[in-house]
Amino acid sequence: MFNLILKEMKRVFSFLVVAVIVVFTASCGGGNTPASIEKAMLSQMQKGNYKKAVEIMAENLDGDETPSAEEKAQFVEAFSEKARKSDEEEGGIKSFEITEEKISEDGLSATVSSKVVYGNGKETTTTSKYVKKDGKWKLSLGK
């Protein structure tokens, strides 16, 4: 199951790098809301702390199985390096803004739109999907 998640992550990685992204812990403010998770990931990426950003993503990723500590470490290492390289090619993240958080009427799904401005002037806008499981928001990689 974890290998399936890794394959899906590769497919949407560029999206996750920008959106991540995504999304954070209560220590970054705001608790467990889709927008707070997104803000926490992007904030860590802006600081150049890609491992922390990917750790936040991994902790908030929707999945049926919990990966082993070794699988999680491999995931964090692989994707934090890819995110770092991708951002460095664009001059790093200069600024970001959560432009919209839209929670469904039933409260079980949400989308978060983010705008990222890179050091080279390039701007991207992405939308991340979230689902609520066991009272907590999780980043969804499903279609």
Protein backbone atom coordinates (compact mmCIF):
# COMPACT_ATOMS: atom_id res chain seq x y z
CA MET A 1 0.00 0.00 0.00
CA PHE A 2 2.79 2.42 0.87
CA ASN A 3 4.42 1.77 -2.52
CA LEU A 4 1.13 2.77 -4.17
CA ILE A 5 1.17 6.01 -2.20
CA LEU A 6 4.75 6.66 -3.33
CA LYS A 7 3.82 6.12 -6.98
CA GLU A 8 0.87 8.48 -6.68
CA MET A 9 3.09 11.01 -4.95
CA LYS A 10 5.51 10.98 -7.85
CA ARG A 11 2.66 11.72 -10.24
CA VAL A 12 1.44 14.72 -8.31
CA PHE A 13 4.72 15.80 -6.79
CA SER A 14 5.01 19.13 -8.55
CA PHE A 15 1.53 19.92 -7.33
CA LEU A 16 2.41 18.89 -3.80
CA VAL A 17 5.63 20.87 -3.77
CA VAL A 18 3.69 24.03 -4.42
CA ALA A 19 0.64 23.22 -2.41
CA VAL A 20 2.16 21.49 0.34
CA ILE A 21 1.92 21.33 0.62
CA VAL A 22 0.29 21.67 2.51
CA VAL A 23 -0.41 21.79 5.63
CA PHE A 24 0.40 21.73 9.08
CA THR A 25 0.48 21.11 12.72
CA ALA A 26 -0.90 23.12 15.56
CA SER A 27 2.56 24.46 16.35
CA CYS A 28 2.37 26.46 13.13
CA GLY A 29 -0.95 27.91 14.21
CA GLY A 30 -4.54 27.16 13.41
CA GLY A 31 -4.79 23.54 14.53
CA ASN A 32 -5.89 20.78 12.16
CA THR A 33 -7.73 22.55 9.36
CA PRO A 34 -7.01 22.07 5.67
CA ALA A 35 -5.70 25.64 5.38
CA SER A 36 -3.49 25.31 8.47
CA ILE A 37 -1.90 22.13 7.12
CA GLU A 38 -1.27 23.80 3.77
CA LYS A 39 0.16 26.90 5.45
CA ALA A 40 2.46 24.85 7.66
CA MET A 41 3.95 22.94 4.72
CA LEU A 42 4.44 26.03 2.60
CA SER A 43 5.90 27.93 5.52
CA GLN A 44 8.51 25.23 6.12
CA MET A 45 9.34 25.11 2.42
CA GLN A 46 9.75 28.89 2.32
CA LYS A 47 12.25 28.57 5.20
CA GLY A 48 14.13 25.91 3.25
CA ASN A 49 13.17 23.19 5.74
CA TYR A 50 12.00 20.65 3.16
CA LYS A 51 12.33 17.63 5.43
CA LYS A 52 9.96 19.19 7.95
CA ALA A 53 7.53 20.13 5.15
CA VAL A 54 7.48 16.55 3.85
CA GLU A 55 7.20 15.17 7.40
CA ILE A 56 4.11 17.34 7.90
CA MET A 57 2.72 16.10 4.61
CA ALA A 58 3.42 12.46 5.53
CA GLU A 59 1.78 12.89 8.94
CA ASN A 60 -1.31 14.38 7.32
CA LEU A 61 -1.56 12.06 4.33
CA ASP A 62 -4.75 10.08 3.79
CA GLY A 63 -4.12 6.35 3.71
CA ASP A 64 -5.42 3.11 5.12
CA GLU A 65 -2.09 1.77 6.32
CA THR A 66 0.44 3.40 8.59
CA PRO A 67 3.93 3.17 7.09
CA SER A 68 6.79 1.79 9.14
CA ALA A 69 9.36 4.22 10.53
CA GLU A 70 11.79 3.07 7.83
CA GLU A 71 9.26 3.60 5.01
CA LYS A 72 8.40 7.05 6.35
CA ALA A 73 12.09 7.98 6.60
CA GLN A 74 12.69 6.89 2.99
CA PHE A 75 9.65 8.85 1.85
CA VAL A 76 10.77 12.00 3.67
CA GLU A 77 14.33 11.76 2.36
CA ALA A 78 13.33 11.18 -1.27
CA PHE A 79 10.66 13.84 -1.50
CA SER A 80 12.37 16.53 0.56
CA GLU A 81 15.34 16.43 -1.83
CA LYS A 82 13.05 16.64 -4.88
CA ALA A 83 11.16 19.57 -3.36
CA ARG A 84 14.39 21.38 -2.53
CA LYS A 85 15.75 21.00 -6.06
CA SER A 86 12.47 22.07 -7.63
CA ASP A 87 12.21 25.19 -5.50
CA GLU A 88 15.87 26.12 -5.94
CA GLU A 89 15.42 26.03 -9.72
CA GLU A 90 12.74 28.71 -9.28
CA GLY A 91 14.79 30.84 -6.86
CA GLY A 92 13.07 29.56 -3.71
CA ILE A 93 9.67 30.55 -2.40
CA LYS A 94 9.51 34.33 -2.03
CA SER A 95 5.95 34.38 -0.70
CA PHE A 96 2.76 32.37 -0.55
CA GLU A 97 -0.89 32.97 0.19
CA ILE A 98 -3.76 30.64 1.01
CA THR A 99 -6.37 32.10 -1.33
CA GLU A 100 -9.34 29.89 -0.45
CA GLU A 101 -10.43 27.10 1.88
CA LYS A 102 -13.69 25.50 0.80
CA ILE A 103 -15.24 22.86 3.09
CA SER A 104 -18.09 20.74 1.73
CA GLU A 105 -21.58 21.02 3.19
CA ASP A 106 -21.24 17.63 4.88
CA GLY A 107 -17.90 18.66 6.43
CA LEU A 108 -16.09 15.59 5.14
CA SER A 109 -14.08 17.03 2.27
CA ALA A 110 -12.37 20.29 1.45
CA THR A 111 -10.15 22.07 -1.04
CA VAL A 112 -7.45 24.63 -0.37
CA SER A 113 -6.18 26.96 -3.07
CA SER A 114 -2.72 28.47 -2.72
CA LYS A 115 -0.71 31.00 -4.65
CA VAL A 116 3.09 30.77 -4.53
CA VAL A 117 5.49 33.43 -5.78
CA TYR A 118 9.03 32.24 -6.46
CA GLY A 119 12.26 34.19 -6.30
CA ASN A 120 12.46 34.32 -10.09
CA GLY A 121 9.04 36.01 -10.28
CA LYS A 122 7.12 32.93 -11.41
CA GLU A 123 3.70 32.50 -9.80
CA THR A 124 1.74 29.28 -9.48
CA THR A 125 -1.72 28.53 -8.14
CA THR A 126 -2.68 25.07 -6.96
CA THR A 127 -5.60 23.38 -5.27
CA SER A 128 -5.18 20.58 -2.74
CA LYS A 129 -7.91 18.13 -1.75
CA TYR A 130 -8.55 17.05 1.82
CA VAL A 131 -10.79 14.49 3.51
CA LYS A 132 -11.84 14.26 7.13
CA LYS A 133 -11.13 10.93 8.80
CA ASP A 134 -11.57 10.18 12.47
CA GLY A 135 -12.05 13.87 13.14
CA LYS A 136 -8.80 14.95 11.48
CA TRP A 137 -8.15 16.51 8.09
CA LYS A 138 -5.94 14.49 5.76
CA LEU A 139 -4.36 15.40 2.42
CA SER A 140 -6.01 13.31 -0.26
CA LEU A 141 -4.11 12.04 -3.26
CA GLY A 142 -7.19 10.41 -4.73
CA LYS A 143 -8.93 11.66 -7.82
